[in-house]
Amino acid sequence: MNDKKTNYWNNNLKYVGILLSVWFIVSFGFSILLKDYLDSYSFAGFKLGFWFAQQGSMYVFVIIIFIYVYLINSLDRVYKKEKDN
């Protein structure tokens, strides 16, 4: 039983780590580190670096929340099936 709990939490932490890394790359990397490069492109009439700093990182965060919910629901289904067997 402890092995299943450990595997569940290891998978959960892996998902959290990957999703937070994506959010960090978008919010810090695109908004600060790559801002000057991205400003040479435009999106919806705004410079792309500015857009990521003001709006894009928030949109990505909301998308990440939905992805996390989907992944955890899938993980719960897998471990619930294992628990029932």
C-alpha atoms as a PDB file:
ATOM      1  CA  MET A   1       0.000   0.000   0.000  1.00  0.00           C
ATOM      2  CA  ASN A   2       2.805   2.455   0.835  1.00  0.00           C
ATOM      3  CA  ASP A   3       4.422   1.733  -2.524  1.00  0.00           C
ATOM      4  CA  LYS A   4       1.263   2.858  -4.349  1.00  0.00           C
ATOM      5  CA  LYS A   5       1.060   6.042  -2.272  1.00  0.00           C
ATOM      6  CA  THR A   6       4.719   6.763  -2.946  1.00  0.00           C
ATOM      7  CA  ASN A   7       4.281   6.222  -6.684  1.00  0.00           C
ATOM      8  CA  TYR A   8       1.170   8.414  -6.695  1.00  0.00           C
ATOM      9  CA  TRP A   9       2.947  11.291  -4.965  1.00  0.00           C
ATOM     10  CA  ASN A  10       6.069  10.889  -7.090  1.00  0.00           C
ATOM     11  CA  ASN A  11       3.924  11.196 -10.219  1.00  0.00           C
ATOM     12  CA  ASN A  12       2.071  14.152  -8.707  1.00  0.00           C
ATOM     13  CA  LEU A  13       5.341  15.928  -7.886  1.00  0.00           C
ATOM     14  CA  LYS A  14       6.655  15.200 -11.373  1.00  0.00           C
ATOM     15  CA  TYR A  15       3.564  16.836 -12.888  1.00  0.00           C
ATOM     16  CA  VAL A  16       3.852  19.839 -10.573  1.00  0.00           C
ATOM     17  CA  GLY A  17       7.558  20.237 -11.338  1.00  0.00           C
ATOM     18  CA  ILE A  18       7.059  20.108 -15.098  1.00  0.00           C
ATOM     19  CA  LEU A  19       4.093  22.478 -15.093  1.00  0.00           C
ATOM     20  CA  LEU A  20       5.793  24.985 -12.791  1.00  0.00           C
ATOM     21  CA  SER A  21       8.883  24.844 -15.007  1.00  0.00           C
ATOM     22  CA  VAL A  22       6.753  25.701 -18.036  1.00  0.00           C
ATOM     23  CA  TRP A  23       5.169  28.582 -16.136  1.00  0.00           C
ATOM     24  CA  PHE A  24       8.599  29.823 -15.013  1.00  0.00           C
ATOM     25  CA  ILE A  25       9.933  29.711 -18.562  1.00  0.00           C
ATOM     26  CA  VAL A  26       6.933  31.632 -19.872  1.00  0.00           C
ATOM     27  CA  SER A  27       6.669  34.188 -17.078  1.00  0.00           C
ATOM     28  CA  PHE A  28      10.379  34.801 -16.426  1.00  0.00           C
ATOM     29  CA  GLY A  29      12.037  33.675 -19.635  1.00  0.00           C
ATOM     30  CA  PHE A  30       9.669  35.159 -22.190  1.00  0.00           C
ATOM     31  CA  SER A  31       8.776  38.249 -20.165  1.00  0.00           C
ATOM     32  CA  ILE A  32      12.239  39.228 -18.940  1.00  0.00           C
ATOM     33  CA  LEU A  33      15.102  37.300 -20.518  1.00  0.00           C
ATOM     34  CA  LEU A  34      13.774  37.077 -24.090  1.00  0.00           C
ATOM     35  CA  LYS A  35      11.759  40.302 -24.043  1.00  0.00           C
ATOM     36  CA  ASP A  36      14.018  42.228 -26.404  1.00  0.00           C
ATOM     37  CA  TYR A  37      14.064  39.395 -28.932  1.00  0.00           C
ATOM     38  CA  LEU A  38      10.303  38.796 -28.719  1.00  0.00           C
ATOM     39  CA  ASP A  39       9.568  42.516 -29.089  1.00  0.00           C
ATOM     40  CA  SER A  40      10.605  42.248 -32.730  1.00  0.00           C
ATOM     41  CA  TYR A  41       7.336  40.311 -33.267  1.00  0.00           C
ATOM     42  CA  SER A  42       3.829  41.513 -32.591  1.00  0.00           C
ATOM     43  CA  PHE A  43       0.677  39.810 -31.352  1.00  0.00           C
ATOM     44  CA  ALA A  44      -2.737  41.486 -31.433  1.00  0.00           C
ATOM     45  CA  GLY A  45      -1.063  44.823 -32.111  1.00  0.00           C
ATOM     46  CA  PHE A  46       1.343  44.597 -29.157  1.00  0.00           C
ATOM     47  CA  LYS A  47       4.994  43.695 -28.992  1.00  0.00           C
ATOM     48  CA  LEU A  48       5.193  39.999 -28.122  1.00  0.00           C
ATOM     49  CA  GLY A  49       7.568  40.447 -25.160  1.00  0.00           C
ATOM     50  CA  PHE A  50       5.274  43.065 -23.672  1.00  0.00           C
ATOM     51  CA  TRP A  51       2.230  40.858 -24.294  1.00  0.00           C
ATOM     52  CA  PHE A  52       3.816  37.909 -22.452  1.00  0.00           C
ATOM     53  CA  ALA A  53       4.747  40.169 -19.552  1.00  0.00           C
ATOM     54  CA  GLN A  54       1.256  41.652 -19.250  1.00  0.00           C
ATOM     55  CA  GLN A  55      -1.162  38.951 -20.414  1.00  0.00           C
ATOM     56  CA  GLY A  56       0.513  35.840 -21.773  1.00  0.00           C
ATOM     57  CA  SER A  57       1.906  34.465 -18.531  1.00  0.00           C
ATOM     58  CA  MET A  58      -1.538  34.738 -16.908  1.00  0.00           C
ATOM     59  CA  TYR A  59      -3.188  32.887 -19.786  1.00  0.00           C
ATOM     60  CA  VAL A  60      -0.536  30.189 -19.638  1.00  0.00           C
ATOM     61  CA  PHE A  61      -1.066  29.858 -15.877  1.00  0.00           C
ATOM     62  CA  VAL A  62      -4.823  29.322 -16.348  1.00  0.00           C
ATOM     63  CA  ILE A  63      -4.140  26.733 -19.074  1.00  0.00           C
ATOM     64  CA  ILE A  64      -1.668  25.001 -16.744  1.00  0.00           C
ATOM     65  CA  ILE A  65      -4.386  24.773 -14.071  1.00  0.00           C
ATOM     66  CA  PHE A  66      -6.687  22.939 -16.490  1.00  0.00           C
ATOM     67  CA  ILE A  67      -3.849  20.645 -17.588  1.00  0.00           C
ATOM     68  CA  TYR A  68      -3.038  19.846 -13.949  1.00  0.00           C
ATOM     69  CA  VAL A  69      -6.678  19.014 -13.193  1.00  0.00           C
ATOM     70  CA  TYR A  70      -6.796  16.689 -16.199  1.00  0.00           C
ATOM     71  CA  LEU A  71      -3.514  14.969 -15.251  1.00  0.00           C
ATOM     72  CA  ILE A  72      -4.484  14.480 -11.609  1.00  0.00           C
ATOM     73  CA  ASN A  73      -7.922  13.162 -12.538  1.00  0.00           C
ATOM     74  CA  SER A  74      -6.232  10.655 -14.851  1.00  0.00           C
ATOM     75  CA  LEU A  75      -3.771   9.717 -12.121  1.00  0.00           C
ATOM     76  CA  ASP A  76      -6.615   9.300  -9.624  1.00  0.00           C
ATOM     77  CA  ARG A  77      -8.442   6.995 -12.023  1.00  0.00           C
ATOM     78  CA  VAL A  78      -5.340   4.836 -12.508  1.00  0.00           C
ATOM     79  CA  TYR A  79      -4.650   4.490  -8.794  1.00  0.00           C
ATOM     80  CA  LYS A  80      -8.320   3.994  -7.931  1.00  0.00           C
ATOM     81  CA  LYS A  81      -8.418   1.049 -10.360  1.00  0.00           C
ATOM     82  CA  GLU A  82      -5.276  -0.375  -8.777  1.00  0.00           C
ATOM     83  CA  LYS A  83      -6.809   0.091  -5.320  1.00  0.00           C
ATOM     84  CA  ASP A  84      -9.997  -1.736  -6.356  1.00  0.00           C
ATOM     85  CA  ASN A  85      -8.052  -4.741  -7.662  1.00  0.00           C
END
